[in-house]
Amino acid sequence: MIETTKGDFKLAPSYDLLNTHLHVDDSDFALSRGLFSEGDKSKFLKYNGKANGRSFLEFGKRIGVREKRVGEILAQFTTEYPLLEQLVEASFLQSDTKKTYLAAYRQKRNRLLDGK
């Protein structure tokens, strides 16, 4: 995250340029020991064990990011981008890797929609 000249926060431009989950066995959203310390997780994260939109709203609140701004950031990640799927299909990835990539993208996008 980076702070803008307006004093709010946004994701750094180079965040998540590729789907590292295809190559690295990492936790969901690459958040093992991530958003919350073990005893301080959001209610949903405690119950489900997976982050969703509510988890990121709670995280933003805890670090002082305005709820409206967190919502704007989440909107960028939950907007459907048909071109994204076309680009993945046109990529040089193996066919099964394309399916895995798109399935992971859709699943995480849907979870981020949960709780908005």
PDB file of N, CA and C in Angstrom:
ATOM      1  N   MET A   1       0.842  -1.176   0.000  1.00  0.00           N
ATOM      2  CA  MET A   1       0.000   0.000   0.000  1.00  0.00           C
ATOM      3  C   MET A   1       0.884   1.235   0.000  1.00  0.00           C
ATOM      4  N   ILE A   2       0.378   2.292  -0.623  1.00  0.00           N
ATOM      5  CA  ILE A   2       1.076   3.567  -0.596  1.00  0.00           C
ATOM      6  C   ILE A   2       0.092   4.667  -0.222  1.00  0.00           C
ATOM      7  N   GLU A   3       0.627   5.718   0.412  1.00  0.00           N
ATOM      8  CA  GLU A   3      -0.208   6.851   0.789  1.00  0.00           C
ATOM      9  C   GLU A   3      -0.179   7.873  -0.333  1.00  0.00           C
ATOM     10  N   THR A   4      -1.342   8.377  -0.707  1.00  0.00           N
ATOM     11  CA  THR A   4      -1.419   9.381  -1.763  1.00  0.00           C
ATOM     12  C   THR A   4      -1.204  10.771  -1.164  1.00  0.00           C
ATOM     13  N   THR A   5      -1.110  11.777  -2.018  1.00  0.00           N
ATOM     14  CA  THR A   5      -0.932  13.158  -1.550  1.00  0.00           C
ATOM     15  C   THR A   5      -2.156  13.647  -0.789  1.00  0.00           C
ATOM     16  N   LYS A   6      -3.300  12.974  -0.971  1.00  0.00           N
ATOM     17  CA  LYS A   6      -4.526  13.337  -0.258  1.00  0.00           C
ATOM     18  C   LYS A   6      -4.587  12.709   1.140  1.00  0.00           C
ATOM     19  N   GLY A   7      -3.589  11.867   1.456  1.00  0.00           N
ATOM     20  CA  GLY A   7      -3.555  11.240   2.770  1.00  0.00           C
ATOM     21  C   GLY A   7      -4.305   9.930   2.860  1.00  0.00           C
ATOM     22  N   ASP A   8      -4.842   9.447   1.733  1.00  0.00           N
ATOM     23  CA  ASP A   8      -5.496   8.138   1.781  1.00  0.00           C
ATOM     24  C   ASP A   8      -4.521   7.094   1.250  1.00  0.00           C
ATOM     25  N   PHE A   9      -4.942   5.852   1.218  1.00  0.00           N
ATOM     26  CA  PHE A   9      -4.065   4.766   0.834  1.00  0.00           C
ATOM     27  C   PHE A   9      -4.617   4.043  -0.383  1.00  0.00           C
ATOM     28  N   LYS A  10      -3.721   3.534  -1.188  1.00  0.00           N
ATOM     29  CA  LYS A  10      -4.111   2.698  -2.317  1.00  0.00           C
ATOM     30  C   LYS A  10      -3.057   1.624  -2.498  1.00  0.00           C
ATOM     31  N   LEU A  11      -3.399   0.612  -3.281  1.00  0.00           N
ATOM     32  CA  LEU A  11      -2.432  -0.442  -3.538  1.00  0.00           C
ATOM     33  C   LEU A  11      -1.311   0.101  -4.404  1.00  0.00           C
ATOM     34  N   ALA A  12      -0.114  -0.321  -4.129  1.00  0.00           N
ATOM     35  CA  ALA A  12       1.025   0.088  -4.941  1.00  0.00           C
ATOM     36  C   ALA A  12       0.815  -0.417  -6.367  1.00  0.00           C
ATOM     37  N   PRO A  13       1.241   0.339  -7.368  1.00  0.00           N
ATOM     38  CA  PRO A  13       0.986  -0.036  -8.766  1.00  0.00           C
ATOM     39  C   PRO A  13       1.499  -1.422  -9.146  1.00  0.00           C
ATOM     40  N   SER A  14       2.542  -1.887  -8.494  1.00  0.00           N
ATOM     41  CA  SER A  14       3.096  -3.179  -8.896  1.00  0.00           C
ATOM     42  C   SER A  14       2.497  -4.351  -8.130  1.00  0.00           C
ATOM     43  N   TYR A  15       1.425  -4.114  -7.368  1.00  0.00           N
ATOM     44  CA  TYR A  15       0.833  -5.186  -6.577  1.00  0.00           C
ATOM     45  C   TYR A  15       0.178  -6.231  -7.456  1.00  0.00           C
ATOM     46  N   ASP A  16       0.556  -7.470  -7.253  1.00  0.00           N
ATOM     47  CA  ASP A  16      -0.094  -8.624  -7.870  1.00  0.00           C
ATOM     48  C   ASP A  16      -0.180  -8.541  -9.388  1.00  0.00           C
ATOM     49  N   LEU A  17       0.954  -8.323 -10.021  1.00  0.00           N
ATOM     50  CA  LEU A  17       0.977  -8.283 -11.477  1.00  0.00           C
ATOM     51  C   LEU A  17       0.777  -9.656 -12.096  1.00  0.00           C
ATOM     52  N   LEU A  18       1.006 -10.698 -11.327  1.00  0.00           N
ATOM     53  CA  LEU A  18       0.770 -12.037 -11.836  1.00  0.00           C
ATOM     54  C   LEU A  18       0.181 -12.900 -10.733  1.00  0.00           C
ATOM     55  N   ASN A  19      -0.387 -13.990 -11.140  1.00  0.00           N
ATOM     56  CA  ASN A  19      -1.023 -14.895 -10.183  1.00  0.00           C
ATOM     57  C   ASN A  19       0.048 -15.833  -9.633  1.00  0.00           C
ATOM     58  N   THR A  20       0.683 -15.434  -8.538  1.00  0.00           N
ATOM     59  CA  THR A  20       1.767 -16.238  -7.973  1.00  0.00           C
ATOM     60  C   THR A  20       1.275 -17.575  -7.445  1.00  0.00           C
ATOM     61  N   HIS A  21      -0.012 -17.673  -7.159  1.00  0.00           N
ATOM     62  CA  HIS A  21      -0.547 -18.937  -6.647  1.00  0.00           C
ATOM     63  C   HIS A  21      -0.358 -20.078  -7.646  1.00  0.00           C
ATOM     64  N   LEU A  22      -0.205 -19.741  -8.917  1.00  0.00           N
ATOM     65  CA  LEU A  22       0.047 -20.772  -9.929  1.00  0.00           C
ATOM     66  C   LEU A  22       1.430 -21.380  -9.756  1.00  0.00           C
ATOM     67  N   HIS A  23       2.340 -20.634  -9.127  1.00  0.00           N
ATOM     68  CA  HIS A  23       3.731 -21.064  -9.055  1.00  0.00           C
ATOM     69  C   HIS A  23       4.228 -21.309  -7.642  1.00  0.00           C
ATOM     70  N   VAL A  24       3.552 -20.731  -6.667  1.00  0.00           N
ATOM     71  CA  VAL A  24       4.002 -20.815  -5.275  1.00  0.00           C
ATOM     72  C   VAL A  24       2.847 -21.331  -4.433  1.00  0.00           C
ATOM     73  N   ASP A  25       3.134 -22.288  -3.583  1.00  0.00           N
ATOM     74  CA  ASP A  25       2.103 -22.809  -2.688  1.00  0.00           C
ATOM     75  C   ASP A  25       1.948 -21.828  -1.529  1.00  0.00           C
ATOM     76  N   ASP A  26       1.039 -20.886  -1.698  1.00  0.00           N
ATOM     77  CA  ASP A  26       0.840 -19.855  -0.693  1.00  0.00           C
ATOM     78  C   ASP A  26      -0.593 -19.916  -0.192  1.00  0.00           C
ATOM     79  N   SER A  27      -0.831 -19.230   0.894  1.00  0.00           N
ATOM     80  CA  SER A  27      -2.169 -19.219   1.456  1.00  0.00           C
ATOM     81  C   SER A  27      -3.102 -18.366   0.598  1.00  0.00           C
ATOM     82  N   ASP A  28      -4.347 -18.416   0.953  1.00  0.00           N
ATOM     83  CA  ASP A  28      -5.379 -17.661   0.258  1.00  0.00           C
ATOM     84  C   ASP A  28      -5.062 -16.173   0.269  1.00  0.00           C
ATOM     85  N   PHE A  29      -5.158 -15.510  -0.881  1.00  0.00           N
ATOM     86  CA  PHE A  29      -4.830 -14.102  -1.040  1.00  0.00           C
ATOM     87  C   PHE A  29      -3.410 -13.778  -0.571  1.00  0.00           C
ATOM     88  N   ALA A  30      -2.547 -14.796  -0.470  1.00  0.00           N
ATOM     89  CA  ALA A  30      -1.173 -14.620   0.034  1.00  0.00           C
ATOM     90  C   ALA A  30      -1.191 -13.923   1.392  1.00  0.00           C
ATOM     91  N   LEU A  31      -2.122 -14.322   2.238  1.00  0.00           N
ATOM     92  CA  LEU A  31      -2.317 -13.624   3.506  1.00  0.00           C
ATOM     93  C   LEU A  31      -1.983 -14.457   4.734  1.00  0.00           C
ATOM     94  N   SER A  32      -1.202 -15.515   4.592  1.00  0.00           N
ATOM     95  CA  SER A  32      -0.860 -16.234   5.812  1.00  0.00           C
ATOM     96  C   SER A  32      -0.101 -15.260   6.700  1.00  0.00           C
ATOM     97  N   ARG A  33      -0.559 -15.148   7.926  1.00  0.00           N
ATOM     98  CA  ARG A  33      -0.016 -14.163   8.857  1.00  0.00           C
ATOM     99  C   ARG A  33      -0.093 -12.768   8.238  1.00  0.00           C
ATOM    100  N   GLY A  34      -1.233 -12.487   7.587  1.00  0.00           N
ATOM    101  CA  GLY A  34      -1.360 -11.271   6.805  1.00  0.00           C
ATOM    102  C   GLY A  34      -2.178 -10.166   7.420  1.00  0.00           C
ATOM    103  N   LEU A  35      -3.469 -10.119   7.135  1.00  0.00           N
ATOM    104  CA  LEU A  35      -4.290  -8.977   7.535  1.00  0.00           C
ATOM    105  C   LEU A  35      -4.360  -8.782   9.040  1.00  0.00           C
ATOM    106  N   PHE A  36      -4.518  -9.860   9.777  1.00  0.00           N
ATOM    107  CA  PHE A  36      -4.739  -9.753  11.208  1.00  0.00           C
ATOM    108  C   PHE A  36      -3.813 -10.695  11.955  1.00  0.00           C
ATOM    109  N   SER A  37      -3.404 -10.296  13.151  1.00  0.00           N
ATOM    110  CA  SER A  37      -2.660 -11.229  13.984  1.00  0.00           C
ATOM    111  C   SER A  37      -3.606 -12.353  14.396  1.00  0.00           C
ATOM    112  N   GLU A  38      -3.061 -13.464  14.767  1.00  0.00           N
ATOM    113  CA  GLU A  38      -3.849 -14.682  15.000  1.00  0.00           C
ATOM    114  C   GLU A  38      -5.015 -14.462  15.961  1.00  0.00           C
ATOM    115  N   GLY A  39      -4.837 -13.756  17.050  1.00  0.00           N
ATOM    116  CA  GLY A  39      -5.910 -13.574  18.022  1.00  0.00           C
ATOM    117  C   GLY A  39      -6.823 -12.403  17.724  1.00  0.00           C
ATOM    118  N   ASP A  40      -6.573 -11.695  16.634  1.00  0.00           N
ATOM    119  CA  ASP A  40      -7.291 -10.453  16.364  1.00  0.00           C
ATOM    120  C   ASP A  40      -7.986 -10.478  15.006  1.00  0.00           C
ATOM    121  N   LYS A  41      -8.326 -11.668  14.521  1.00  0.00           N
ATOM    122  CA  LYS A  41      -8.942 -11.790  13.202  1.00  0.00           C
ATOM    123  C   LYS A  41     -10.371 -11.256  13.203  1.00  0.00           C
ATOM    124  N   SER A  42     -10.835 -10.853  12.031  1.00  0.00           N
ATOM    125  CA  SER A  42     -12.227 -10.430  11.902  1.00  0.00           C
ATOM    126  C   SER A  42     -13.125 -11.633  12.181  1.00  0.00           C
ATOM    127  N   LYS A  43     -14.385 -11.357  12.499  1.00  0.00           N
ATOM    128  CA  LYS A  43     -15.319 -12.446  12.818  1.00  0.00           C
ATOM    129  C   LYS A  43     -15.445 -13.428  11.662  1.00  0.00           C
ATOM    130  N   PHE A  44     -15.586 -12.928  10.446  1.00  0.00           N
ATOM    131  CA  PHE A  44     -15.731 -13.819   9.296  1.00  0.00           C
ATOM    132  C   PHE A  44     -14.493 -14.670   9.101  1.00  0.00           C
ATOM    133  N   LEU A  45     -13.321 -14.066   9.222  1.00  0.00           N
ATOM    134  CA  LEU A  45     -12.072 -14.792   9.031  1.00  0.00           C
ATOM    135  C   LEU A  45     -11.906 -15.868  10.103  1.00  0.00           C
ATOM    136  N   LYS A  46     -12.314 -15.568  11.329  1.00  0.00           N
ATOM    137  CA  LYS A  46     -12.256 -16.573  12.397  1.00  0.00           C
ATOM    138  C   LYS A  46     -13.171 -17.747  12.068  1.00  0.00           C
ATOM    139  N   TYR A  47     -14.372 -17.429  11.591  1.00  0.00           N
ATOM    140  CA  TYR A  47     -15.372 -18.460  11.323  1.00  0.00           C
ATOM    141  C   TYR A  47     -15.025 -19.284  10.092  1.00  0.00           C
ATOM    142  N   ASN A  48     -14.678 -18.604   9.000  1.00  0.00           N
ATOM    143  CA  ASN A  48     -14.510 -19.250   7.709  1.00  0.00           C
ATOM    144  C   ASN A  48     -13.074 -19.640   7.410  1.00  0.00           C
ATOM    145  N   GLY A  49     -12.108 -18.899   7.948  1.00  0.00           N
ATOM    146  CA  GLY A  49     -10.708 -19.151   7.661  1.00  0.00           C
ATOM    147  C   GLY A  49     -10.244 -18.565   6.339  1.00  0.00           C
ATOM    148  N   LYS A  50     -11.142 -17.874   5.650  1.00  0.00           N
ATOM    149  CA  LYS A  50     -10.798 -17.265   4.356  1.00  0.00           C
ATOM    150  C   LYS A  50     -11.233 -15.802   4.360  1.00  0.00           C
ATOM    151  N   ALA A  51     -10.419 -14.968   3.751  1.00  0.00           N
ATOM    152  CA  ALA A  51     -10.738 -13.543   3.684  1.00  0.00           C
ATOM    153  C   ALA A  51     -11.824 -13.292   2.644  1.00  0.00           C
ATOM    154  N   ASN A  52     -12.633 -12.276   2.904  1.00  0.00           N
ATOM    155  CA  ASN A  52     -13.638 -11.838   1.925  1.00  0.00           C
ATOM    156  C   ASN A  52     -13.711 -10.320   1.977  1.00  0.00           C
ATOM    157  N   GLY A  53     -14.683  -9.734   1.300  1.00  0.00           N
ATOM    158  CA  GLY A  53     -14.813  -8.287   1.285  1.00  0.00           C
ATOM    159  C   GLY A  53     -14.925  -7.695   2.674  1.00  0.00           C
ATOM    160  N   ARG A  54     -15.681  -8.348   3.555  1.00  0.00           N
ATOM    161  CA  ARG A  54     -15.820  -7.846   4.924  1.00  0.00           C
ATOM    162  C   ARG A  54     -14.488  -7.831   5.657  1.00  0.00           C
ATOM    163  N   SER A  55     -13.634  -8.830   5.375  1.00  0.00           N
ATOM    164  CA  SER A  55     -12.320  -8.881   6.018  1.00  0.00           C
ATOM    165  C   SER A  55     -11.484  -7.670   5.625  1.00  0.00           C
ATOM    166  N   PHE A  56     -11.527  -7.313   4.344  1.00  0.00           N
ATOM    167  CA  PHE A  56     -10.748  -6.169   3.888  1.00  0.00           C
ATOM    168  C   PHE A  56     -11.336  -4.850   4.380  1.00  0.00           C
ATOM    169  N   LEU A  57     -12.667  -4.777   4.497  1.00  0.00           N
ATOM    170  CA  LEU A  57     -13.281  -3.584   5.088  1.00  0.00           C
ATOM    171  C   LEU A  57     -12.827  -3.417   6.538  1.00  0.00           C
ATOM    172  N   GLU A  58     -12.816  -4.513   7.267  1.00  0.00           N
ATOM    173  CA  GLU A  58     -12.375  -4.479   8.665  1.00  0.00           C
ATOM    174  C   GLU A  58     -10.903  -4.097   8.752  1.00  0.00           C
ATOM    175  N   PHE A  59     -10.077  -4.658   7.883  1.00  0.00           N
ATOM    176  CA  PHE A  59      -8.657  -4.329   7.867  1.00  0.00           C
ATOM    177  C   PHE A  59      -8.462  -2.836   7.603  1.00  0.00           C
ATOM    178  N   GLY A  60      -9.154  -2.325   6.597  1.00  0.00           N
ATOM    179  CA  GLY A  60      -9.045  -0.905   6.285  1.00  0.00           C
ATOM    180  C   GLY A  60      -9.421  -0.033   7.467  1.00  0.00           C
ATOM    181  N   LYS A  61     -10.512  -0.399   8.143  1.00  0.00           N
ATOM    182  CA  LYS A  61     -10.956   0.356   9.314  1.00  0.00           C
ATOM    183  C   LYS A  61      -9.876   0.357  10.396  1.00  0.00           C
ATOM    184  N   ARG A  62      -9.276  -0.794  10.613  1.00  0.00           N
ATOM    185  CA  ARG A  62      -8.267  -0.923  11.668  1.00  0.00           C
ATOM    186  C   ARG A  62      -6.998  -0.123  11.380  1.00  0.00           C
ATOM    187  N   ILE A  63      -6.681   0.075  10.104  1.00  0.00           N
ATOM    188  CA  ILE A  63      -5.463   0.838   9.801  1.00  0.00           C
ATOM    189  C   ILE A  63      -5.772   2.300   9.459  1.00  0.00           C
ATOM    190  N   GLY A  64      -7.036   2.706   9.607  1.00  0.00           N
ATOM    191  CA  GLY A  64      -7.396   4.095   9.455  1.00  0.00           C
ATOM    192  C   GLY A  64      -7.749   4.541   8.051  1.00  0.00           C
ATOM    193  N   VAL A  65      -8.039   3.606   7.158  1.00  0.00           N
ATOM    194  CA  VAL A  65      -8.465   3.971   5.804  1.00  0.00           C
ATOM    195  C   VAL A  65      -9.981   4.173   5.844  1.00  0.00           C
ATOM    196  N   ARG A  66     -10.438   5.258   5.253  1.00  0.00           N
ATOM    197  CA  ARG A  66     -11.879   5.531   5.239  1.00  0.00           C
ATOM    198  C   ARG A  66     -12.630   4.392   4.555  1.00  0.00           C
ATOM    199  N   GLU A  67     -13.791   4.061   5.102  1.00  0.00           N
ATOM    200  CA  GLU A  67     -14.589   2.960   4.555  1.00  0.00           C
ATOM    201  C   GLU A  67     -14.928   3.193   3.084  1.00  0.00           C
ATOM    202  N   LYS A  68     -15.231   4.432   2.733  1.00  0.00           N
ATOM    203  CA  LYS A  68     -15.540   4.747   1.339  1.00  0.00           C
ATOM    204  C   LYS A  68     -14.357   4.405   0.437  1.00  0.00           C
ATOM    205  N   ARG A  69     -13.139   4.726   0.900  1.00  0.00           N
ATOM    206  CA  ARG A  69     -11.945   4.443   0.091  1.00  0.00           C
ATOM    207  C   ARG A  69     -11.722   2.942  -0.041  1.00  0.00           C
ATOM    208  N   VAL A  70     -11.911   2.201   1.036  1.00  0.00           N
ATOM    209  CA  VAL A  70     -11.778   0.739   0.960  1.00  0.00           C
ATOM    210  C   VAL A  70     -12.786   0.194  -0.046  1.00  0.00           C
ATOM    211  N   GLY A  71     -14.004   0.730  -0.009  1.00  0.00           N
ATOM    212  CA  GLY A  71     -15.031   0.313  -0.965  1.00  0.00           C
ATOM    213  C   GLY A  71     -14.616   0.584  -2.402  1.00  0.00           C
ATOM    214  N   GLU A  72     -13.983   1.734  -2.634  1.00  0.00           N
ATOM    215  CA  GLU A  72     -13.517   2.062  -3.982  1.00  0.00           C
ATOM    216  C   GLU A  72     -12.436   1.085  -4.454  1.00  0.00           C
ATOM    217  N   ILE A  73     -11.543   0.735  -3.543  1.00  0.00           N
ATOM    218  CA  ILE A  73     -10.480  -0.222  -3.883  1.00  0.00           C
ATOM    219  C   ILE A  73     -11.090  -1.585  -4.175  1.00  0.00           C
ATOM    220  N   LEU A  74     -12.007  -2.023  -3.313  1.00  0.00           N
ATOM    221  CA  LEU A  74     -12.652  -3.321  -3.539  1.00  0.00           C
ATOM    222  C   LEU A  74     -13.419  -3.329  -4.859  1.00  0.00           C
ATOM    223  N   ALA A  75     -14.024  -2.197  -5.204  1.00  0.00           N
ATOM    224  CA  ALA A  75     -14.765  -2.117  -6.472  1.00  0.00           C
ATOM    225  C   ALA A  75     -13.850  -2.375  -7.664  1.00  0.00           C
ATOM    226  N   GLN A  76     -12.619  -1.910  -7.581  1.00  0.00           N
ATOM    227  CA  GLN A  76     -11.668  -2.154  -8.669  1.00  0.00           C
ATOM    228  C   GLN A  76     -11.384  -3.646  -8.832  1.00  0.00           C
ATOM    229  N   PHE A  77     -11.365  -4.370  -7.707  1.00  0.00           N
ATOM    230  CA  PHE A  77     -11.054  -5.796  -7.750  1.00  0.00           C
ATOM    231  C   PHE A  77     -12.278  -6.668  -7.990  1.00  0.00           C
ATOM    232  N   THR A  78     -13.472  -6.099  -7.855  1.00  0.00           N
ATOM    233  CA  THR A  78     -14.671  -6.907  -8.035  1.00  0.00           C
ATOM    234  C   THR A  78     -15.411  -6.590  -9.328  1.00  0.00           C
ATOM    235  N   THR A  79     -14.964  -5.582 -10.034  1.00  0.00           N
ATOM    236  CA  THR A  79     -15.552  -5.258 -11.332  1.00  0.00           C
ATOM    237  C   THR A  79     -15.217  -6.381 -12.313  1.00  0.00           C
ATOM    238  N   GLU A  80     -16.195  -6.755 -13.124  1.00  0.00           N
ATOM    239  CA  GLU A  80     -15.918  -7.770 -14.145  1.00  0.00           C
ATOM    240  C   GLU A  80     -15.173  -7.122 -15.302  1.00  0.00           C
ATOM    241  N   TYR A  81     -14.080  -7.752 -15.682  1.00  0.00           N
ATOM    242  CA  TYR A  81     -13.274  -7.274 -16.796  1.00  0.00           C
ATOM    243  C   TYR A  81     -13.213  -8.379 -17.849  1.00  0.00           C
ATOM    244  N   PRO A  82     -14.145  -8.377 -18.806  1.00  0.00           N
ATOM    245  CA  PRO A  82     -14.158  -9.427 -19.833  1.00  0.00           C
ATOM    246  C   PRO A  82     -12.835  -9.537 -20.582  1.00  0.00           C
ATOM    247  N   LEU A  83     -12.143  -8.430 -20.743  1.00  0.00           N
ATOM    248  CA  LEU A  83     -10.859  -8.460 -21.446  1.00  0.00           C
ATOM    249  C   LEU A  83      -9.836  -9.313 -20.696  1.00  0.00           C
ATOM    250  N   LEU A  84      -9.922  -9.331 -19.366  1.00  0.00           N
ATOM    251  CA  LEU A  84      -9.008 -10.146 -18.576  1.00  0.00           C
ATOM    252  C   LEU A  84      -9.103 -11.603 -19.003  1.00  0.00           C
ATOM    253  N   GLU A  85     -10.315 -12.107 -19.109  1.00  0.00           N
ATOM    254  CA  GLU A  85     -10.492 -13.501 -19.493  1.00  0.00           C
ATOM    255  C   GLU A  85     -10.006 -13.739 -20.917  1.00  0.00           C
ATOM    256  N   GLN A  86     -10.240 -12.785 -21.804  1.00  0.00           N
ATOM    257  CA  GLN A  86      -9.759 -12.913 -23.183  1.00  0.00           C
ATOM    258  C   GLN A  86      -8.234 -12.947 -23.218  1.00  0.00           C
ATOM    259  N   LEU A  87      -7.602 -12.106 -22.410  1.00  0.00           N
ATOM    260  CA  LEU A  87      -6.141 -12.080 -22.383  1.00  0.00           C
ATOM    261  C   LEU A  87      -5.563 -13.371 -21.831  1.00  0.00           C
ATOM    262  N   VAL A  88      -6.183 -13.917 -20.796  1.00  0.00           N
ATOM    263  CA  VAL A  88      -5.711 -15.195 -20.255  1.00  0.00           C
ATOM    264  C   VAL A  88      -5.846 -16.285 -21.318  1.00  0.00           C
ATOM    265  N   GLU A  89      -6.992 -16.305 -21.988  1.00  0.00           N
ATOM    266  CA  GLU A  89      -7.204 -17.313 -23.040  1.00  0.00           C
ATOM    267  C   GLU A  89      -6.198 -17.159 -24.175  1.00  0.00           C
ATOM    268  N   ALA A  90      -5.786 -15.931 -24.468  1.00  0.00           N
ATOM    269  CA  ALA A  90      -4.835 -15.680 -25.563  1.00  0.00           C
ATOM    270  C   ALA A  90      -3.380 -15.836 -25.114  1.00  0.00           C
ATOM    271  N   SER A  91      -3.158 -16.074 -23.830  1.00  0.00           N
ATOM    272  CA  SER A  91      -1.795 -16.154 -23.304  1.00  0.00           C
ATOM    273  C   SER A  91      -1.117 -17.456 -23.726  1.00  0.00           C
ATOM    274  N   PHE A  92       0.143 -17.539 -23.398  1.00  0.00           N
ATOM    275  CA  PHE A  92       0.930 -18.734 -23.723  1.00  0.00           C
ATOM    276  C   PHE A  92       0.909 -19.766 -22.598  1.00  0.00           C
ATOM    277  N   LEU A  93       0.023 -19.578 -21.630  1.00  0.00           N
ATOM    278  CA  LEU A  93      -0.110 -20.565 -20.558  1.00  0.00           C
ATOM    279  C   LEU A  93      -0.659 -21.866 -21.130  1.00  0.00           C
ATOM    280  N   GLN A  94      -0.324 -22.964 -20.472  1.00  0.00           N
ATOM    281  CA  GLN A  94      -0.896 -24.256 -20.849  1.00  0.00           C
ATOM    282  C   GLN A  94      -2.403 -24.205 -20.612  1.00  0.00           C
ATOM    283  N   SER A  95      -3.156 -24.994 -21.335  1.00  0.00           N
ATOM    284  CA  SER A  95      -4.614 -24.990 -21.248  1.00  0.00           C
ATOM    285  C   SER A  95      -5.104 -25.228 -19.820  1.00  0.00           C
ATOM    286  N   ASP A  96      -4.524 -26.213 -19.123  1.00  0.00           N
ATOM    287  CA  ASP A  96      -4.967 -26.484 -17.751  1.00  0.00           C
ATOM    288  C   ASP A  96      -4.600 -25.343 -16.801  1.00  0.00           C
ATOM    289  N   THR A  97      -3.483 -24.667 -17.062  1.00  0.00           N
ATOM    290  CA  THR A  97      -3.083 -23.534 -16.234  1.00  0.00           C
ATOM    291  C   THR A  97      -4.017 -22.356 -16.463  1.00  0.00           C
ATOM    292  N   LYS A  98      -4.466 -22.164 -17.694  1.00  0.00           N
ATOM    293  CA  LYS A  98      -5.450 -21.114 -17.983  1.00  0.00           C
ATOM    294  C   LYS A  98      -6.726 -21.350 -17.176  1.00  0.00           C
ATOM    295  N   LYS A  99      -7.177 -22.603 -17.157  1.00  0.00           N
ATOM    296  CA  LYS A  99      -8.395 -22.927 -16.405  1.00  0.00           C
ATOM    297  C   LYS A  99      -8.202 -22.666 -14.917  1.00  0.00           C
ATOM    298  N   THR A 100      -7.042 -23.056 -14.390  1.00  0.00           N
ATOM    299  CA  THR A 100      -6.736 -22.840 -12.980  1.00  0.00           C
ATOM    300  C   THR A 100      -6.692 -21.355 -12.660  1.00  0.00           C
ATOM    301  N   TYR A 101      -6.041 -20.594 -13.527  1.00  0.00           N
ATOM    302  CA  TYR A 101      -5.929 -19.139 -13.337  1.00  0.00           C
ATOM    303  C   TYR A 101      -7.305 -18.499 -13.300  1.00  0.00           C
ATOM    304  N   LEU A 102      -8.132 -18.803 -14.296  1.00  0.00           N
ATOM    305  CA  LEU A 102      -9.458 -18.196 -14.373  1.00  0.00           C
ATOM    306  C   LEU A 102     -10.353 -18.636 -13.221  1.00  0.00           C
ATOM    307  N   ALA A 103     -10.244 -19.898 -12.815  1.00  0.00           N
ATOM    308  CA  ALA A 103     -11.043 -20.371 -11.680  1.00  0.00           C
ATOM    309  C   ALA A 103     -10.641 -19.639 -10.404  1.00  0.00           C
ATOM    310  N   ALA A 104      -9.348 -19.457 -10.183  1.00  0.00           N
ATOM    311  CA  ALA A 104      -8.873 -18.743  -8.994  1.00  0.00           C
ATOM    312  C   ALA A 104      -9.320 -17.288  -9.027  1.00  0.00           C
ATOM    313  N   TYR A 105      -9.233 -16.662 -10.191  1.00  0.00           N
ATOM    314  CA  TYR A 105      -9.669 -15.267 -10.350  1.00  0.00           C
ATOM    315  C   TYR A 105     -11.154 -15.128 -10.009  1.00  0.00           C
ATOM    316  N   ARG A 106     -11.979 -15.996 -10.577  1.00  0.00           N
ATOM    317  CA  ARG A 106     -13.430 -15.901 -10.343  1.00  0.00           C
ATOM    318  C   ARG A 106     -13.786 -16.164  -8.886  1.00  0.00           C
ATOM    319  N   GLN A 107     -13.147 -17.175  -8.299  1.00  0.00           N
ATOM    320  CA  GLN A 107     -13.438 -17.549  -6.917  1.00  0.00           C
ATOM    321  C   GLN A 107     -13.071 -16.401  -5.969  1.00  0.00           C
ATOM    322  N   LYS A 108     -11.909 -15.803  -6.150  1.00  0.00           N
ATOM    323  CA  LYS A 108     -11.494 -14.712  -5.260  1.00  0.00           C
ATOM    324  C   LYS A 108     -12.336 -13.466  -5.499  1.00  0.00           C
ATOM    325  N   ARG A 109     -12.664 -13.192  -6.748  1.00  0.00           N
ATOM    326  CA  ARG A 109     -13.513 -12.051  -7.054  1.00  0.00           C
ATOM    327  C   ARG A 109     -14.870 -12.215  -6.347  1.00  0.00           C
ATOM    328  N   ASN A 110     -15.435 -13.395  -6.430  1.00  0.00           N
ATOM    329  CA  ASN A 110     -16.725 -13.644  -5.795  1.00  0.00           C
ATOM    330  C   ASN A 110     -16.637 -13.508  -4.277  1.00  0.00           C
ATOM    331  N   ARG A 111     -15.543 -13.958  -3.693  1.00  0.00           N
ATOM    332  CA  ARG A 111     -15.404 -13.826  -2.245  1.00  0.00           C
ATOM    333  C   ARG A 111     -15.257 -12.368  -1.836  1.00  0.00           C
ATOM    334  N   LEU A 112     -14.570 -11.574  -2.650  1.00  0.00           N
ATOM    335  CA  LEU A 112     -14.446 -10.144  -2.340  1.00  0.00           C
ATOM    336  C   LEU A 112     -15.791  -9.447  -2.440  1.00  0.00           C
ATOM    337  N   LEU A 113     -16.674  -9.947  -3.288  1.00  0.00           N
ATOM    338  CA  LEU A 113     -18.017  -9.384  -3.384  1.00  0.00           C
ATOM    339  C   LEU A 113     -18.815  -9.655  -2.124  1.00  0.00           C
ATOM    340  N   ASP A 114     -18.492 -10.736  -1.414  1.00  0.00           N
ATOM    341  CA  ASP A 114     -19.202 -11.115  -0.203  1.00  0.00           C
ATOM    342  C   ASP A 114     -18.905 -10.096   0.906  1.00  0.00           C
ATOM    343  N   GLY A 115     -19.920  -9.441   1.348  1.00  0.00           N
ATOM    344  CA  GLY A 115     -19.771  -8.520   2.456  1.00  0.00           C
ATOM    345  C   GLY A 115     -19.597  -7.067   2.059  1.00  0.00           C
ATOM    346  N   LYS A 116     -19.613  -6.781   0.765  1.00  0.00           N
ATOM    347  CA  LYS A 116     -19.469  -5.382   0.342  1.00  0.00           C
ATOM    348  C   LYS A 116     -20.714  -4.599   0.671  1.00  0.00           C
TER     349      LYS A 116
END
